[in-house]
Amino acid sequence: MKSIFIVEDETGIRDALQLLLSFENYDVRSFSNVAAFNNRDKSSVPDLFILDVMLPDGSGTDICNQLKSDSETAALPVIIISAHAKADNVTNACNADAFISKPFDIDEVILKIQEFTS
């Protein structure tokens, strides 16, 4: 079973993604902020990361840069989601593999995830 880590501060979006992706047979772990993500069990490495840009205690682009500079996670795909940031700004700020703007179509998100996890 493929696993996905989500960092999203909006409870509704985080819970919806977790539920819908679980129905698609993904093992999903979610975090509401940077601190919770940084305090995770680092022995477990997912197949994909989904990061919101604006978080209460930091930025998804900073997490992305952290992941891409770590040899354990550098090759893993990162999808950035945001209601405020523009795709060009995000790709300039970090080396994300994909960008999805909010509000998003869940089918589009699932297709994008399948691209990276199949």
PDB file of N, CA and C in Angstrom:
ATOM      1  N   MET A   1       0.849  -1.185   0.000  1.00  0.00           N
ATOM      2  CA  MET A   1       0.000   0.000   0.000  1.00  0.00           C
ATOM      3  C   MET A   1       0.894   1.247   0.000  1.00  0.00           C
ATOM      4  N   LYS A   2       0.617   2.154  -0.909  1.00  0.00           N
ATOM      5  CA  LYS A   2       1.379   3.409  -1.001  1.00  0.00           C
ATOM      6  C   LYS A   2       0.955   4.341   0.129  1.00  0.00           C
ATOM      7  N   SER A   3       1.911   5.140   0.604  1.00  0.00           N
ATOM      8  CA  SER A   3       1.585   6.050   1.698  1.00  0.00           C
ATOM      9  C   SER A   3       1.810   7.503   1.287  1.00  0.00           C
ATOM     10  N   ILE A   4       1.010   8.368   1.896  1.00  0.00           N
ATOM     11  CA  ILE A   4       1.041   9.803   1.616  1.00  0.00           C
ATOM     12  C   ILE A   4       1.049  10.554   2.937  1.00  0.00           C
ATOM     13  N   PHE A   5       1.913  11.561   3.035  1.00  0.00           N
ATOM     14  CA  PHE A   5       1.908  12.467   4.178  1.00  0.00           C
ATOM     15  C   PHE A   5       1.342  13.798   3.711  1.00  0.00           C
ATOM     16  N   ILE A   6       0.376  14.330   4.466  1.00  0.00           N
ATOM     17  CA  ILE A   6      -0.268  15.603   4.147  1.00  0.00           C
ATOM     18  C   ILE A   6       0.021  16.595   5.268  1.00  0.00           C
ATOM     19  N   VAL A   7       0.438  17.804   4.886  1.00  0.00           N
ATOM     20  CA  VAL A   7       0.582  18.892   5.860  1.00  0.00           C
ATOM     21  C   VAL A   7      -0.384  19.988   5.415  1.00  0.00           C
ATOM     22  N   GLU A   8      -1.470  20.145   6.152  1.00  0.00           N
ATOM     23  CA  GLU A   8      -2.554  21.081   5.809  1.00  0.00           C
ATOM     24  C   GLU A   8      -3.188  21.556   7.105  1.00  0.00           C
ATOM     25  N   ASP A   9      -3.277  22.877   7.302  1.00  0.00           N
ATOM     26  CA  ASP A   9      -3.816  23.408   8.554  1.00  0.00           C
ATOM     27  C   ASP A   9      -5.338  23.472   8.581  1.00  0.00           C
ATOM     28  N   GLU A  10      -5.993  23.522   7.441  1.00  0.00           N
ATOM     29  CA  GLU A  10      -7.458  23.587   7.418  1.00  0.00           C
ATOM     30  C   GLU A  10      -8.020  22.187   7.662  1.00  0.00           C
ATOM     31  N   THR A  11      -8.689  22.033   8.808  1.00  0.00           N
ATOM     32  CA  THR A  11      -9.184  20.732   9.234  1.00  0.00           C
ATOM     33  C   THR A  11     -10.077  20.084   8.185  1.00  0.00           C
ATOM     34  N   GLY A  12     -10.998  20.838   7.591  1.00  0.00           N
ATOM     35  CA  GLY A  12     -11.921  20.280   6.613  1.00  0.00           C
ATOM     36  C   GLY A  12     -11.207  19.704   5.400  1.00  0.00           C
ATOM     37  N   ILE A  13     -10.229  20.445   4.896  1.00  0.00           N
ATOM     38  CA  ILE A  13      -9.469  19.982   3.722  1.00  0.00           C
ATOM     39  C   ILE A  13      -8.611  18.777   4.096  1.00  0.00           C
ATOM     40  N   ARG A  14      -7.943  18.865   5.237  1.00  0.00           N
ATOM     41  CA  ARG A  14      -7.075  17.774   5.692  1.00  0.00           C
ATOM     42  C   ARG A  14      -7.886  16.491   5.884  1.00  0.00           C
ATOM     43  N   ASP A  15      -9.027  16.593   6.568  1.00  0.00           N
ATOM     44  CA  ASP A  15      -9.857  15.417   6.825  1.00  0.00           C
ATOM     45  C   ASP A  15     -10.448  14.850   5.536  1.00  0.00           C
ATOM     46  N   ALA A  16     -10.879  15.736   4.634  1.00  0.00           N
ATOM     47  CA  ALA A  16     -11.459  15.275   3.364  1.00  0.00           C
ATOM     48  C   ALA A  16     -10.409  14.546   2.532  1.00  0.00           C
ATOM     49  N   LEU A  17      -9.213  15.119   2.426  1.00  0.00           N
ATOM     50  CA  LEU A  17      -8.145  14.458   1.677  1.00  0.00           C
ATOM     51  C   LEU A  17      -7.805  13.110   2.299  1.00  0.00           C
ATOM     52  N   GLN A  18      -7.696  13.083   3.613  1.00  0.00           N
ATOM     53  CA  GLN A  18      -7.345  11.840   4.289  1.00  0.00           C
ATOM     54  C   GLN A  18      -8.408  10.766   4.028  1.00  0.00           C
ATOM     55  N   LEU A  19      -9.661  11.131   4.157  1.00  0.00           N
ATOM     56  CA  LEU A  19     -10.756  10.176   3.953  1.00  0.00           C
ATOM     57  C   LEU A  19     -10.816   9.690   2.505  1.00  0.00           C
ATOM     58  N   LEU A  20     -10.803  10.626   1.562  1.00  0.00           N
ATOM     59  CA  LEU A  20     -10.915  10.257   0.157  1.00  0.00           C
ATOM     60  C   LEU A  20      -9.719   9.441  -0.323  1.00  0.00           C
ATOM     61  N   LEU A  21      -8.530   9.796   0.114  1.00  0.00           N
ATOM     62  CA  LEU A  21      -7.347   9.039  -0.304  1.00  0.00           C
ATOM     63  C   LEU A  21      -7.301   7.662   0.362  1.00  0.00           C
ATOM     64  N   SER A  22      -7.841   7.559   1.568  1.00  0.00           N
ATOM     65  CA  SER A  22      -7.954   6.248   2.220  1.00  0.00           C
ATOM     66  C   SER A  22      -8.870   5.339   1.407  1.00  0.00           C
ATOM     67  N   PHE A  23      -9.959   5.902   0.879  1.00  0.00           N
ATOM     68  CA  PHE A  23     -10.867   5.132   0.021  1.00  0.00           C
ATOM     69  C   PHE A  23     -10.179   4.668  -1.257  1.00  0.00           C
ATOM     70  N   GLU A  24      -9.130   5.387  -1.666  1.00  0.00           N
ATOM     71  CA  GLU A  24      -8.361   5.022  -2.868  1.00  0.00           C
ATOM     72  C   GLU A  24      -7.202   4.076  -2.520  1.00  0.00           C
ATOM     73  N   ASN A  25      -7.245   3.519  -1.311  1.00  0.00           N
ATOM     74  CA  ASN A  25      -6.253   2.545  -0.833  1.00  0.00           C
ATOM     75  C   ASN A  25      -4.859   3.126  -0.603  1.00  0.00           C
ATOM     76  N   TYR A  26      -4.800   4.365  -0.118  1.00  0.00           N
ATOM     77  CA  TYR A  26      -3.538   4.949   0.312  1.00  0.00           C
ATOM     78  C   TYR A  26      -3.506   4.955   1.834  1.00  0.00           C
ATOM     79  N   ASP A  27      -2.334   4.747   2.394  1.00  0.00           N
ATOM     80  CA  ASP A  27      -2.119   4.912   3.825  1.00  0.00           C
ATOM     81  C   ASP A  27      -1.776   6.389   4.014  1.00  0.00           C
ATOM     82  N   VAL A  28      -2.645   7.128   4.683  1.00  0.00           N
ATOM     83  CA  VAL A  28      -2.487   8.579   4.773  1.00  0.00           C
ATOM     84  C   VAL A  28      -2.226   8.994   6.214  1.00  0.00           C
ATOM     85  N   ARG A  29      -1.202   9.828   6.377  1.00  0.00           N
ATOM     86  CA  ARG A  29      -0.933  10.456   7.676  1.00  0.00           C
ATOM     87  C   ARG A  29      -0.973  11.957   7.460  1.00  0.00           C
ATOM     88  N   SER A  30      -1.658  12.637   8.368  1.00  0.00           N
ATOM     89  CA  SER A  30      -1.789  14.079   8.182  1.00  0.00           C
ATOM     90  C   SER A  30      -1.282  14.832   9.395  1.00  0.00           C
ATOM     91  N   PHE A  31      -0.830  16.050   9.118  1.00  0.00           N
ATOM     92  CA  PHE A  31      -0.244  16.923  10.122  1.00  0.00           C
ATOM     93  C   PHE A  31      -0.845  18.314   9.937  1.00  0.00           C
ATOM     94  N   SER A  32      -1.154  18.982  11.052  1.00  0.00           N
ATOM     95  CA  SER A  32      -1.838  20.279  10.958  1.00  0.00           C
ATOM     96  C   SER A  32      -0.882  21.460  10.891  1.00  0.00           C
ATOM     97  N   ASN A  33       0.406  21.218  11.150  1.00  0.00           N
ATOM     98  CA  ASN A  33       1.370  22.327  11.119  1.00  0.00           C
ATOM     99  C   ASN A  33       2.791  21.789  10.950  1.00  0.00           C
ATOM    100  N   VAL A  34       3.726  22.708  10.804  1.00  0.00           N
ATOM    101  CA  VAL A  34       5.131  22.350  10.583  1.00  0.00           C
ATOM    102  C   VAL A  34       5.691  21.606  11.797  1.00  0.00           C
ATOM    103  N   ALA A  35       5.370  22.080  12.996  1.00  0.00           N
ATOM    104  CA  ALA A  35       5.896  21.449  14.215  1.00  0.00           C
ATOM    105  C   ALA A  35       5.471  19.987  14.298  1.00  0.00           C
ATOM    106  N   ALA A  36       4.203  19.704  14.054  1.00  0.00           N
ATOM    107  CA  ALA A  36       3.719  18.318  14.098  1.00  0.00           C
ATOM    108  C   ALA A  36       4.427  17.466  13.041  1.00  0.00           C
ATOM    109  N   PHE A  37       4.614  18.036  11.854  1.00  0.00           N
ATOM    110  CA  PHE A  37       5.307  17.319  10.786  1.00  0.00           C
ATOM    111  C   PHE A  37       6.760  17.045  11.169  1.00  0.00           C
ATOM    112  N   ASN A  38       7.438  18.040  11.714  1.00  0.00           N
ATOM    113  CA  ASN A  38       8.840  17.874  12.097  1.00  0.00           C
ATOM    114  C   ASN A  38       9.022  16.898  13.255  1.00  0.00           C
ATOM    115  N   ASN A  39       7.972  16.705  14.067  1.00  0.00           N
ATOM    116  CA  ASN A  39       8.026  15.786  15.206  1.00  0.00           C
ATOM    117  C   ASN A  39       7.538  14.381  14.866  1.00  0.00           C
ATOM    118  N   ARG A  40       7.268  14.120  13.581  1.00  0.00           N
ATOM    119  CA  ARG A  40       6.768  12.811  13.151  1.00  0.00           C
ATOM    120  C   ARG A  40       7.840  11.736  13.359  1.00  0.00           C
ATOM    121  N   ASP A  41       7.426  10.495  13.253  1.00  0.00           N
ATOM    122  CA  ASP A  41       8.352   9.361  13.268  1.00  0.00           C
ATOM    123  C   ASP A  41       9.067   9.349  11.923  1.00  0.00           C
ATOM    124  N   LYS A  42      10.334   9.720  11.916  1.00  0.00           N
ATOM    125  CA  LYS A  42      11.073   9.856  10.660  1.00  0.00           C
ATOM    126  C   LYS A  42      11.544   8.515  10.095  1.00  0.00           C
ATOM    127  N   SER A  43      11.298   7.421  10.826  1.00  0.00           N
ATOM    128  CA  SER A  43      11.668   6.110  10.293  1.00  0.00           C
ATOM    129  C   SER A  43      10.673   5.666   9.222  1.00  0.00           C
ATOM    130  N   SER A  44       9.504   6.277   9.218  1.00  0.00           N
ATOM    131  CA  SER A  44       8.487   5.981   8.209  1.00  0.00           C
ATOM    132  C   SER A  44       8.563   7.039   7.102  1.00  0.00           C
ATOM    133  N   VAL A  45       8.837   6.583   5.888  1.00  0.00           N
ATOM    134  CA  VAL A  45       8.981   7.505   4.757  1.00  0.00           C
ATOM    135  C   VAL A  45       7.864   7.211   3.755  1.00  0.00           C
ATOM    136  N   PRO A  46       7.085   8.235   3.388  1.00  0.00           N
ATOM    137  CA  PRO A  46       5.959   8.004   2.474  1.00  0.00           C
ATOM    138  C   PRO A  46       6.407   7.921   1.015  1.00  0.00           C
ATOM    139  N   ASP A  47       5.452   7.628   0.150  1.00  0.00           N
ATOM    140  CA  ASP A  47       5.702   7.611  -1.294  1.00  0.00           C
ATOM    141  C   ASP A  47       5.489   8.990  -1.907  1.00  0.00           C
ATOM    142  N   LEU A  48       4.787   9.887  -1.166  1.00  0.00           N
ATOM    143  CA  LEU A  48       4.420  11.202  -1.683  1.00  0.00           C
ATOM    144  C   LEU A  48       4.109  12.142  -0.533  1.00  0.00           C
ATOM    145  N   PHE A  49       4.443  13.421  -0.729  1.00  0.00           N
ATOM    146  CA  PHE A  49       4.090  14.466   0.233  1.00  0.00           C
ATOM    147  C   PHE A  49       3.120  15.440  -0.433  1.00  0.00           C
ATOM    148  N   ILE A  50       2.098  15.878   0.309  1.00  0.00           N
ATOM    149  CA  ILE A  50       1.203  16.952  -0.126  1.00  0.00           C
ATOM    150  C   ILE A  50       1.315  18.054   0.922  1.00  0.00           C
ATOM    151  N   LEU A  51       1.723  19.249   0.488  1.00  0.00           N
ATOM    152  CA  LEU A  51       1.998  20.342   1.418  1.00  0.00           C
ATOM    153  C   LEU A  51       1.210  21.586   1.061  1.00  0.00           C
ATOM    154  N   ASP A  52       0.551  22.168   2.057  1.00  0.00           N
ATOM    155  CA  ASP A  52      -0.074  23.474   1.892  1.00  0.00           C
ATOM    156  C   ASP A  52       1.029  24.524   2.007  1.00  0.00           C
ATOM    157  N   VAL A  53       0.891  25.640   1.293  1.00  0.00           N
ATOM    158  CA  VAL A  53       1.923  26.678   1.354  1.00  0.00           C
ATOM    159  C   VAL A  53       1.848  27.436   2.672  1.00  0.00           C
ATOM    160  N   MET A  54       0.677  27.980   2.982  1.00  0.00           N
ATOM    161  CA  MET A  54       0.541  28.831   4.176  1.00  0.00           C
ATOM    162  C   MET A  54       0.094  27.995   5.376  1.00  0.00           C
ATOM    163  N   LEU A  55       1.002  27.862   6.336  1.00  0.00           N
ATOM    164  CA  LEU A  55       0.728  27.117   7.556  1.00  0.00           C
ATOM    165  C   LEU A  55       0.888  28.057   8.744  1.00  0.00           C
ATOM    166  N   PRO A  56       0.243  27.762   9.871  1.00  0.00           N
ATOM    167  CA  PRO A  56       0.280  28.703  10.990  1.00  0.00           C
ATOM    168  C   PRO A  56       1.680  28.948  11.566  1.00  0.00           C
ATOM    169  N   ASP A  57       2.574  27.980  11.403  1.00  0.00           N
ATOM    170  CA  ASP A  57       3.902  28.120  11.994  1.00  0.00           C
ATOM    171  C   ASP A  57       5.033  27.984  10.970  1.00  0.00           C
ATOM    172  N   GLY A  58       4.712  28.224   9.714  1.00  0.00           N
ATOM    173  CA  GLY A  58       5.752  28.124   8.691  1.00  0.00           C
ATOM    174  C   GLY A  58       5.161  28.018   7.304  1.00  0.00           C
ATOM    175  N   SER A  59       5.944  27.452   6.406  1.00  0.00           N
ATOM    176  CA  SER A  59       5.547  27.399   5.010  1.00  0.00           C
ATOM    177  C   SER A  59       5.802  26.021   4.411  1.00  0.00           C
ATOM    178  N   GLY A  60       4.872  25.575   3.582  1.00  0.00           N
ATOM    179  CA  GLY A  60       5.046  24.317   2.871  1.00  0.00           C
ATOM    180  C   GLY A  60       6.237  24.348   1.929  1.00  0.00           C
ATOM    181  N   THR A  61       6.551  25.532   1.392  1.00  0.00           N
ATOM    182  CA  THR A  61       7.717  25.622   0.509  1.00  0.00           C
ATOM    183  C   THR A  61       9.009  25.398   1.296  1.00  0.00           C
ATOM    184  N   ASP A  62       9.042  25.838   2.559  1.00  0.00           N
ATOM    185  CA  ASP A  62      10.211  25.574   3.399  1.00  0.00           C
ATOM    186  C   ASP A  62      10.341  24.077   3.680  1.00  0.00           C
ATOM    187  N   ILE A  63       9.206  23.426   3.965  1.00  0.00           N
ATOM    188  CA  ILE A  63       9.222  21.971   4.171  1.00  0.00           C
ATOM    189  C   ILE A  63       9.700  21.284   2.894  1.00  0.00           C
ATOM    190  N   CYS A  64       9.199  21.732   1.757  1.00  0.00           N
ATOM    191  CA  CYS A  64       9.592  21.168   0.463  1.00  0.00           C
ATOM    192  C   CYS A  64      11.112  21.262   0.282  1.00  0.00           C
ATOM    193  N   ASN A  65      11.667  22.434   0.546  1.00  0.00           N
ATOM    194  CA  ASN A  65      13.119  22.614   0.419  1.00  0.00           C
ATOM    195  C   ASN A  65      13.883  21.692   1.368  1.00  0.00           C
ATOM    196  N   GLN A  66      13.360  21.541   2.562  1.00  0.00           N
ATOM    197  CA  GLN A  66      13.952  20.648   3.559  1.00  0.00           C
ATOM    198  C   GLN A  66      13.951  19.207   3.029  1.00  0.00           C
ATOM    199  N   LEU A  67      12.809  18.772   2.498  1.00  0.00           N
ATOM    200  CA  LEU A  67      12.684  17.406   1.979  1.00  0.00           C
ATOM    201  C   LEU A  67      13.603  17.172   0.788  1.00  0.00           C
ATOM    202  N   LYS A  68      13.663  18.157  -0.111  1.00  0.00           N
ATOM    203  CA  LYS A  68      14.457  18.011  -1.329  1.00  0.00           C
ATOM    204  C   LYS A  68      15.960  18.069  -1.046  1.00  0.00           C
ATOM    205  N   SER A  69      16.367  18.620   0.107  1.00  0.00           N
ATOM    206  CA  SER A  69      17.789  18.682   0.428  1.00  0.00           C
ATOM    207  C   SER A  69      18.240  17.513   1.312  1.00  0.00           C
ATOM    208  N   ASP A  70      17.303  16.667   1.734  1.00  0.00           N
ATOM    209  CA  ASP A  70      17.614  15.512   2.566  1.00  0.00           C
ATOM    210  C   ASP A  70      17.747  14.276   1.664  1.00  0.00           C
ATOM    211  N   SER A  71      18.863  13.567   1.760  1.00  0.00           N
ATOM    212  CA  SER A  71      19.096  12.421   0.871  1.00  0.00           C
ATOM    213  C   SER A  71      18.031  11.332   1.025  1.00  0.00           C
ATOM    214  N   GLU A  72      17.402  11.236   2.202  1.00  0.00           N
ATOM    215  CA  GLU A  72      16.353  10.231   2.430  1.00  0.00           C
ATOM    216  C   GLU A  72      15.078  10.526   1.642  1.00  0.00           C
ATOM    217  N   THR A  73      14.799  11.814   1.407  1.00  0.00           N
ATOM    218  CA  THR A  73      13.516  12.201   0.801  1.00  0.00           C
ATOM    219  C   THR A  73      13.661  12.997  -0.492  1.00  0.00           C
ATOM    220  N   ALA A  74      14.876  13.279  -0.918  1.00  0.00           N
ATOM    221  CA  ALA A  74      15.101  14.154  -2.076  1.00  0.00           C
ATOM    222  C   ALA A  74      14.408  13.673  -3.346  1.00  0.00           C
ATOM    223  N   ALA A  75      14.331  12.371  -3.552  1.00  0.00           N
ATOM    224  CA  ALA A  75      13.753  11.829  -4.789  1.00  0.00           C
ATOM    225  C   ALA A  75      12.240  11.625  -4.709  1.00  0.00           C
ATOM    226  N   LEU A  76      11.662  11.846  -3.540  1.00  0.00           N
ATOM    227  CA  LEU A  76      10.222  11.627  -3.373  1.00  0.00           C
ATOM    228  C   LEU A  76       9.426  12.807  -3.924  1.00  0.00           C
ATOM    229  N   PRO A  77       8.282  12.515  -4.566  1.00  0.00           N
ATOM    230  CA  PRO A  77       7.483  13.604  -5.130  1.00  0.00           C
ATOM    231  C   PRO A  77       6.801  14.456  -4.061  1.00  0.00           C
ATOM    232  N   VAL A  78       6.725  15.754  -4.353  1.00  0.00           N
ATOM    233  CA  VAL A  78       6.062  16.723  -3.477  1.00  0.00           C
ATOM    234  C   VAL A  78       5.030  17.474  -4.313  1.00  0.00           C
ATOM    235  N   ILE A  79       3.784  17.472  -3.827  1.00  0.00           N
ATOM    236  CA  ILE A  79       2.728  18.271  -4.444  1.00  0.00           C
ATOM    237  C   ILE A  79       2.413  19.414  -3.494  1.00  0.00           C
ATOM    238  N   ILE A  80       2.464  20.632  -4.008  1.00  0.00           N
ATOM    239  CA  ILE A  80       2.120  21.812  -3.211  1.00  0.00           C
ATOM    240  C   ILE A  80       0.689  22.212  -3.554  1.00  0.00           C
ATOM    241  N   ILE A  81      -0.103  22.508  -2.514  1.00  0.00           N
ATOM    242  CA  ILE A  81      -1.462  23.020  -2.729  1.00  0.00           C
ATOM    243  C   ILE A  81      -1.572  24.383  -2.061  1.00  0.00           C
ATOM    244  N   SER A  82      -2.294  25.299  -2.717  1.00  0.00           N
ATOM    245  CA  SER A  82      -2.442  26.632  -2.131  1.00  0.00           C
ATOM    246  C   SER A  82      -3.615  27.375  -2.743  1.00  0.00           C
ATOM    247  N   ALA A  83      -4.254  28.176  -1.918  1.00  0.00           N
ATOM    248  CA  ALA A  83      -5.320  29.056  -2.397  1.00  0.00           C
ATOM    249  C   ALA A  83      -4.758  30.418  -2.773  1.00  0.00           C
ATOM    250  N   HIS A  84      -3.580  30.754  -2.267  1.00  0.00           N
ATOM    251  CA  HIS A  84      -3.051  32.101  -2.419  1.00  0.00           C
ATOM    252  C   HIS A  84      -1.844  32.193  -3.333  1.00  0.00           C
ATOM    253  N   ALA A  85      -0.964  31.216  -3.247  1.00  0.00           N
ATOM    254  CA  ALA A  85       0.277  31.267  -4.034  1.00  0.00           C
ATOM    255  C   ALA A  85      -0.006  30.943  -5.495  1.00  0.00           C
ATOM    256  N   LYS A  86       0.831  31.429  -6.344  1.00  0.00           N
ATOM    257  CA  LYS A  86       0.763  31.142  -7.779  1.00  0.00           C
ATOM    258  C   LYS A  86       1.783  30.046  -8.102  1.00  0.00           C
ATOM    259  N   ALA A  87       1.484  29.254  -9.112  1.00  0.00           N
ATOM    260  CA  ALA A  87       2.344  28.127  -9.475  1.00  0.00           C
ATOM    261  C   ALA A  87       3.787  28.570  -9.719  1.00  0.00           C
ATOM    262  N   ASP A  88       3.979  29.673 -10.441  1.00  0.00           N
ATOM    263  CA  ASP A  88       5.336  30.150 -10.736  1.00  0.00           C
ATOM    264  C   ASP A  88       6.093  30.499  -9.460  1.00  0.00           C
ATOM    265  N   ASN A  89       5.404  31.156  -8.526  1.00  0.00           N
ATOM    266  CA  ASN A  89       6.047  31.532  -7.260  1.00  0.00           C
ATOM    267  C   ASN A  89       6.486  30.298  -6.478  1.00  0.00           C
ATOM    268  N   VAL A  90       5.626  29.286  -6.486  1.00  0.00           N
ATOM    269  CA  VAL A  90       5.931  28.060  -5.745  1.00  0.00           C
ATOM    270  C   VAL A  90       7.100  27.325  -6.385  1.00  0.00           C
ATOM    271  N   THR A  91       7.077  27.190  -7.700  1.00  0.00           N
ATOM    272  CA  THR A  91       8.163  26.463  -8.357  1.00  0.00           C
ATOM    273  C   THR A  91       9.485  27.214  -8.237  1.00  0.00           C
ATOM    274  N   ASN A  92       9.433  28.527  -8.103  1.00  0.00           N
ATOM    275  CA  ASN A  92      10.656  29.299  -7.864  1.00  0.00           C
ATOM    276  C   ASN A  92      11.123  29.181  -6.411  1.00  0.00           C
ATOM    277  N   ALA A  93      10.185  28.997  -5.493  1.00  0.00           N
ATOM    278  CA  ALA A  93      10.507  28.934  -4.063  1.00  0.00           C
ATOM    279  C   ALA A  93      11.014  27.555  -3.633  1.00  0.00           C
ATOM    280  N   CYS A  94      10.565  26.522  -4.315  1.00  0.00           N
ATOM    281  CA  CYS A  94      11.023  25.169  -3.975  1.00  0.00           C
ATOM    282  C   CYS A  94      10.917  24.286  -5.214  1.00  0.00           C
ATOM    283  N   ASN A  95      11.483  23.137  -5.136  1.00  0.00           N
ATOM    284  CA  ASN A  95      11.523  22.241  -6.284  1.00  0.00           C
ATOM    285  C   ASN A  95      10.380  21.218  -6.224  1.00  0.00           C
ATOM    286  N   ALA A  96       9.149  21.709  -6.060  1.00  0.00           N
ATOM    287  CA  ALA A  96       7.988  20.813  -5.987  1.00  0.00           C
ATOM    288  C   ALA A  96       7.778  20.135  -7.338  1.00  0.00           C
ATOM    289  N   ASP A  97       7.215  18.951  -7.287  1.00  0.00           N
ATOM    290  CA  ASP A  97       6.961  18.186  -8.508  1.00  0.00           C
ATOM    291  C   ASP A  97       5.654  18.580  -9.179  1.00  0.00           C
ATOM    292  N   ALA A  98       4.737  19.151  -8.392  1.00  0.00           N
ATOM    293  CA  ALA A  98       3.453  19.586  -8.951  1.00  0.00           C
ATOM    294  C   ALA A  98       2.849  20.653  -8.054  1.00  0.00           C
ATOM    295  N   PHE A  99       1.935  21.438  -8.640  1.00  0.00           N
ATOM    296  CA  PHE A  99       1.219  22.482  -7.909  1.00  0.00           C
ATOM    297  C   PHE A  99      -0.265  22.336  -8.224  1.00  0.00           C
ATOM    298  N   ILE A 100      -1.092  22.388  -7.190  1.00  0.00           N
ATOM    299  CA  ILE A 100      -2.548  22.349  -7.359  1.00  0.00           C
ATOM    300  C   ILE A 100      -3.128  23.528  -6.588  1.00  0.00           C
ATOM    301  N   SER A 101      -3.939  24.332  -7.284  1.00  0.00           N
ATOM    302  CA  SER A 101      -4.532  25.487  -6.604  1.00  0.00           C
ATOM    303  C   SER A 101      -5.859  25.094  -5.955  1.00  0.00           C
ATOM    304  N   LYS A 102      -6.138  25.740  -4.823  1.00  0.00           N
ATOM    305  CA  LYS A 102      -7.416  25.570  -4.118  1.00  0.00           C
ATOM    306  C   LYS A 102      -8.365  26.643  -4.625  1.00  0.00           C
ATOM    307  N   PRO A 103      -9.641  26.381  -4.688  1.00  0.00           N
ATOM    308  CA  PRO A 103     -10.256  25.081  -4.442  1.00  0.00           C
ATOM    309  C   PRO A 103      -9.901  24.113  -5.565  1.00  0.00           C
ATOM    310  N   PHE A 104      -9.788  22.848  -5.227  1.00  0.00           N
ATOM    311  CA  PHE A 104      -9.393  21.870  -6.236  1.00  0.00           C
ATOM    312  C   PHE A 104     -10.486  20.839  -6.437  1.00  0.00           C
ATOM    313  N   ASP A 105     -10.424  20.195  -7.579  1.00  0.00           N
ATOM    314  CA  ASP A 105     -11.306  19.085  -7.911  1.00  0.00           C
ATOM    315  C   ASP A 105     -10.616  17.830  -7.383  1.00  0.00           C
ATOM    316  N   ILE A 106     -11.279  17.083  -6.500  1.00  0.00           N
ATOM    317  CA  ILE A 106     -10.645  15.920  -5.874  1.00  0.00           C
ATOM    318  C   ILE A 106     -10.223  14.890  -6.917  1.00  0.00           C
ATOM    319  N   ASP A 107     -10.981  14.772  -8.014  1.00  0.00           N
ATOM    320  CA  ASP A 107     -10.601  13.826  -9.063  1.00  0.00           C
ATOM    321  C   ASP A 107      -9.273  14.223  -9.692  1.00  0.00           C
ATOM    322  N   GLU A 108      -9.051  15.532  -9.861  1.00  0.00           N
ATOM    323  CA  GLU A 108      -7.789  16.036 -10.395  1.00  0.00           C
ATOM    324  C   GLU A 108      -6.642  15.703  -9.436  1.00  0.00           C
ATOM    325  N   VAL A 109      -6.884  15.868  -8.146  1.00  0.00           N
ATOM    326  CA  VAL A 109      -5.871  15.574  -7.136  1.00  0.00           C
ATOM    327  C   VAL A 109      -5.531  14.081  -7.168  1.00  0.00           C
ATOM    328  N   ILE A 110      -6.546  13.228  -7.238  1.00  0.00           N
ATOM    329  CA  ILE A 110      -6.308  11.776  -7.254  1.00  0.00           C
ATOM    330  C   ILE A 110      -5.525  11.374  -8.501  1.00  0.00           C
ATOM    331  N   LEU A 111      -5.889  11.952  -9.641  1.00  0.00           N
ATOM    332  CA  LEU A 111      -5.140  11.650 -10.888  1.00  0.00           C
ATOM    333  C   LEU A 111      -3.681  12.082 -10.765  1.00  0.00           C
ATOM    334  N   LYS A 112      -3.451  13.249 -10.206  1.00  0.00           N
ATOM    335  CA  LYS A 112      -2.078  13.746 -10.028  1.00  0.00           C
ATOM    336  C   LYS A 112      -1.302  12.825  -9.088  1.00  0.00           C
ATOM    337  N   ILE A 113      -1.934  12.400  -8.017  1.00  0.00           N
ATOM    338  CA  ILE A 113      -1.280  11.491  -7.059  1.00  0.00           C
ATOM    339  C   ILE A 113      -0.960  10.166  -7.737  1.00  0.00           C
ATOM    340  N   GLN A 114      -1.897   9.656  -8.520  1.00  0.00           N
ATOM    341  CA  GLN A 114      -1.662   8.384  -9.220  1.00  0.00           C
ATOM    342  C   GLN A 114      -0.503   8.477 -10.203  1.00  0.00           C
ATOM    343  N   GLU A 115      -0.316   9.652 -10.803  1.00  0.00           N
ATOM    344  CA  GLU A 115       0.826   9.855 -11.700  1.00  0.00           C
ATOM    345  C   GLU A 115       2.146   9.578 -10.990  1.00  0.00           C
ATOM    346  N   PHE A 116       2.225  10.014  -9.726  1.00  0.00           N
ATOM    347  CA  PHE A 116       3.467   9.910  -8.973  1.00  0.00           C
ATOM    348  C   PHE A 116       3.607   8.619  -8.190  1.00  0.00           C
ATOM    349  N   THR A 117       2.513   7.883  -7.986  1.00  0.00           N
ATOM    350  CA  THR A 117       2.589   6.705  -7.112  1.00  0.00           C
ATOM    351  C   THR A 117       2.376   5.394  -7.848  1.00  0.00           C
ATOM    352  N   SER A 118       2.141   5.433  -9.160  1.00  0.00           N
ATOM    353  CA  SER A 118       1.912   4.160  -9.852  1.00  0.00           C
ATOM    354  C   SER A 118       3.165   3.630 -10.498  1.00  0.00           C
TER     355      SER A 118
END
